Amino acid sequence: MNSPKPDTYHVALKAFVRKGDDVLLCQDRLSGEWDLPGGRIGVGEFERPLEDILRREIVEEIGADVGYRNNGPVAIFRHRRPEFIEEGKEIQILMIGFELTYLGGDIKLSDEHSSYRWVPLGESASLLPGGQRDGMMKYLEYLRGGKKIAQY
């Protein structure tokens, strides 16, 4: 049996930031699409704990004043998107979604996002693109079914 040629993915850590029954979505400045806070693991971060990388991304994207409790990974999902740095190139991203409980603090968006909103969980999936929509559906499945990481 021949194994398929290995594919290449970027890896990103995304956050389902919860405030009660709402989740935080950020609007991407370039595409206008809604996005979960977080981002890709950077060059040289292989040895860093994932929680530290996620913390770096949260500080970059929504500000250092935001307090949260990290409840751990809750969903694994895949997403395709255009790479704006290299026009016309589409990238594949394996995303690990962490549940964060918002504890307070002022949200200060990075230049990557133009706005943010707290969205009721039941409405959030319909606002997200492609694989992030699937990730939100997996997270909602996780919430309904207990503490098993939802993945595909």
Protein backbone atom coordinates (compact mmCIF):
# COMPACT_ATOMS: atom_id res chain seq x y z
CA MET A 1 0.00 0.00 0.00
CA ASN A 2 1.42 3.35 -1.04
CA SER A 3 1.21 6.20 1.44
CA PRO A 4 0.17 9.57 0.03
CA LYS A 5 2.80 12.27 -0.16
CA PRO A 6 2.76 14.29 3.10
CA ASP A 7 0.93 17.59 2.84
CA THR A 8 2.10 20.87 4.36
CA TYR A 9 0.06 22.90 6.84
CA HIS A 10 0.61 26.00 8.88
CA VAL A 11 -0.40 25.51 12.52
CA ALA A 12 -2.45 28.13 14.36
CA LEU A 13 -3.82 28.49 17.86
CA LYS A 14 -7.27 30.07 17.98
CA ALA A 15 -9.35 31.19 20.95
CA PHE A 16 -13.03 30.79 21.71
CA VAL A 17 -13.03 33.76 24.10
CA ARG A 18 -16.22 33.47 26.17
CA LYS A 19 -18.09 36.11 28.12
CA GLY A 20 -21.16 34.30 29.43
CA ASP A 21 -23.03 32.90 26.44
CA ASP A 22 -21.21 35.17 23.97
CA VAL A 23 -17.99 34.60 22.05
CA LEU A 24 -15.54 37.24 20.78
CA LEU A 25 -15.13 37.64 17.02
CA CYS A 26 -12.73 40.06 15.34
CA GLN A 27 -13.17 41.46 11.84
CA ASP A 28 -10.17 41.00 9.56
CA ARG A 29 -9.08 44.36 8.15
CA LEU A 30 -8.06 42.98 4.73
CA SER A 31 -10.80 40.46 3.95
CA GLY A 32 -13.64 41.91 6.02
CA GLU A 33 -14.40 38.39 7.31
CA TRP A 34 -14.98 37.59 10.95
CA ASP A 35 -12.17 35.73 12.67
CA LEU A 36 -11.41 34.00 15.95
CA PRO A 37 -8.58 35.68 17.89
CA GLY A 38 -5.24 33.90 17.63
CA GLY A 39 -2.70 33.08 14.99
CA ARG A 40 0.04 30.90 13.66
CA ILE A 41 2.95 29.40 15.51
CA GLY A 42 6.00 31.42 14.54
CA VAL A 43 9.45 30.44 13.40
CA GLY A 44 11.56 29.52 16.44
CA GLU A 45 8.57 28.73 18.66
CA PHE A 46 8.65 24.94 18.31
CA GLU A 47 9.94 24.41 21.87
CA ARG A 48 7.62 26.99 23.50
CA PRO A 49 4.54 25.73 25.36
CA LEU A 50 1.38 26.17 23.28
CA GLU A 51 -0.22 28.22 26.07
CA ASP A 52 2.67 30.73 25.84
CA ILE A 53 2.27 31.02 22.07
CA LEU A 54 -1.47 31.54 22.47
CA ARG A 55 -0.78 34.21 25.11
CA ARG A 56 1.53 36.01 22.65
CA GLU A 57 -1.19 35.91 19.99
CA ILE A 58 -3.91 37.13 22.38
CA VAL A 59 -1.73 40.07 23.48
CA GLU A 60 -0.95 40.90 19.82
CA GLU A 61 -4.55 40.68 18.62
CA ILE A 62 -6.74 41.93 21.49
CA GLY A 63 -4.31 43.60 23.88
CA ALA A 64 -2.24 43.06 26.99
CA ASP A 65 -4.99 44.37 29.31
CA VAL A 66 -7.35 41.46 28.58
CA GLY A 67 -7.52 38.98 31.44
CA TYR A 68 -8.62 35.43 30.79
CA ARG A 69 -8.59 31.89 32.13
CA ASN A 70 -7.31 29.27 29.69
CA ASN A 71 -9.58 26.22 29.92
CA GLY A 72 -7.46 24.25 27.45
CA PRO A 73 -7.89 22.90 23.93
CA VAL A 74 -11.45 22.08 22.88
CA ALA A 75 -11.42 21.62 19.09
CA ILE A 76 -9.09 20.74 16.24
CA PHE A 77 -10.03 21.93 12.77
CA ARG A 78 -8.67 22.81 9.32
CA HIS A 79 -9.02 26.07 7.43
CA ARG A 80 -8.02 27.34 3.99
CA ARG A 81 -7.49 31.00 3.28
CA PRO A 82 -5.72 33.25 0.81
CA GLU A 83 -2.26 34.34 1.89
CA PHE A 84 -2.33 38.11 1.57
CA ILE A 85 1.46 38.34 1.83
CA GLU A 86 1.83 36.24 -1.34
CA GLU A 87 -1.03 37.29 -3.59
CA GLY A 88 -2.95 34.44 -5.18
CA LYS A 89 -1.53 31.77 -2.87
CA GLU A 90 -3.90 29.76 -0.71
CA ILE A 91 -2.63 28.23 2.50
CA GLN A 92 -3.91 25.34 4.60
CA ILE A 93 -3.96 25.80 8.35
CA LEU A 94 -4.43 23.19 11.06
CA MET A 95 -6.05 25.04 13.96
CA ILE A 96 -6.21 24.12 17.61
CA GLY A 97 -9.02 25.94 19.37
CA PHE A 98 -8.70 26.82 23.06
CA GLU A 99 -11.56 27.91 25.30
CA LEU A 100 -10.75 31.12 27.17
CA THR A 101 -13.00 32.66 29.80
CA TYR A 102 -12.89 36.45 29.57
CA LEU A 103 -12.14 37.95 32.99
CA GLY A 104 -12.13 41.63 32.00
CA GLY A 105 -9.90 44.35 30.63
CA ASP A 106 -10.00 46.68 27.65
CA ILE A 107 -9.86 45.10 24.21
CA LYS A 108 -7.33 46.91 22.01
CA LEU A 109 -7.27 45.46 18.51
CA SER A 110 -4.12 45.05 16.47
CA ASP A 111 -3.81 46.53 12.99
CA GLU A 112 -4.94 43.14 11.61
CA HIS A 113 -8.53 43.76 12.73
CA SER A 114 -10.90 46.67 12.20
CA SER A 115 -13.58 45.83 14.78
CA TYR A 116 -14.81 43.23 17.24
CA ARG A 117 -18.11 42.04 18.65
CA TRP A 118 -19.44 39.74 21.29
CA VAL A 119 -21.74 37.33 19.48
CA PRO A 120 -24.23 34.86 20.98
CA LEU A 121 -22.80 31.36 20.64
CA GLY A 122 -25.78 30.19 18.60
CA GLU A 123 -25.17 32.89 15.95
CA SER A 124 -21.37 32.74 15.82
CA ALA A 125 -20.81 29.87 13.36
CA SER A 126 -22.83 31.58 10.62
CA LEU A 127 -20.49 34.60 10.74
CA LEU A 128 -17.21 32.70 10.39
CA PRO A 129 -15.61 31.61 7.10
CA GLY A 130 -14.91 28.03 5.99
CA GLY A 131 -12.87 26.01 8.41
CA GLN A 132 -13.37 28.46 11.27
CA ARG A 133 -17.12 27.89 10.90
CA ASP A 134 -16.44 24.16 11.15
CA GLY A 135 -14.27 24.81 14.20
CA MET A 136 -17.05 26.75 15.90
CA MET A 137 -19.47 23.91 15.14
CA LYS A 138 -17.00 21.47 16.72
CA TYR A 139 -16.74 23.74 19.76
CA LEU A 140 -20.54 23.88 20.09
CA GLU A 141 -20.58 20.08 19.82
CA TYR A 142 -17.97 19.95 22.59
CA LEU A 143 -20.15 22.16 24.79
CA ARG A 144 -23.17 19.90 24.27
CA GLY A 145 -21.31 16.64 24.80
CA GLY A 146 -18.86 17.05 27.64
CA LYS A 147 -15.11 17.27 27.84
CA LYS A 148 -13.94 15.36 24.75
CA ILE A 149 -11.93 17.43 22.25
CA ALA A 150 -14.06 17.71 19.10
CA GLN A 151 -12.03 17.08 15.96
CA TYR A 152 -12.17 15.72 12.45
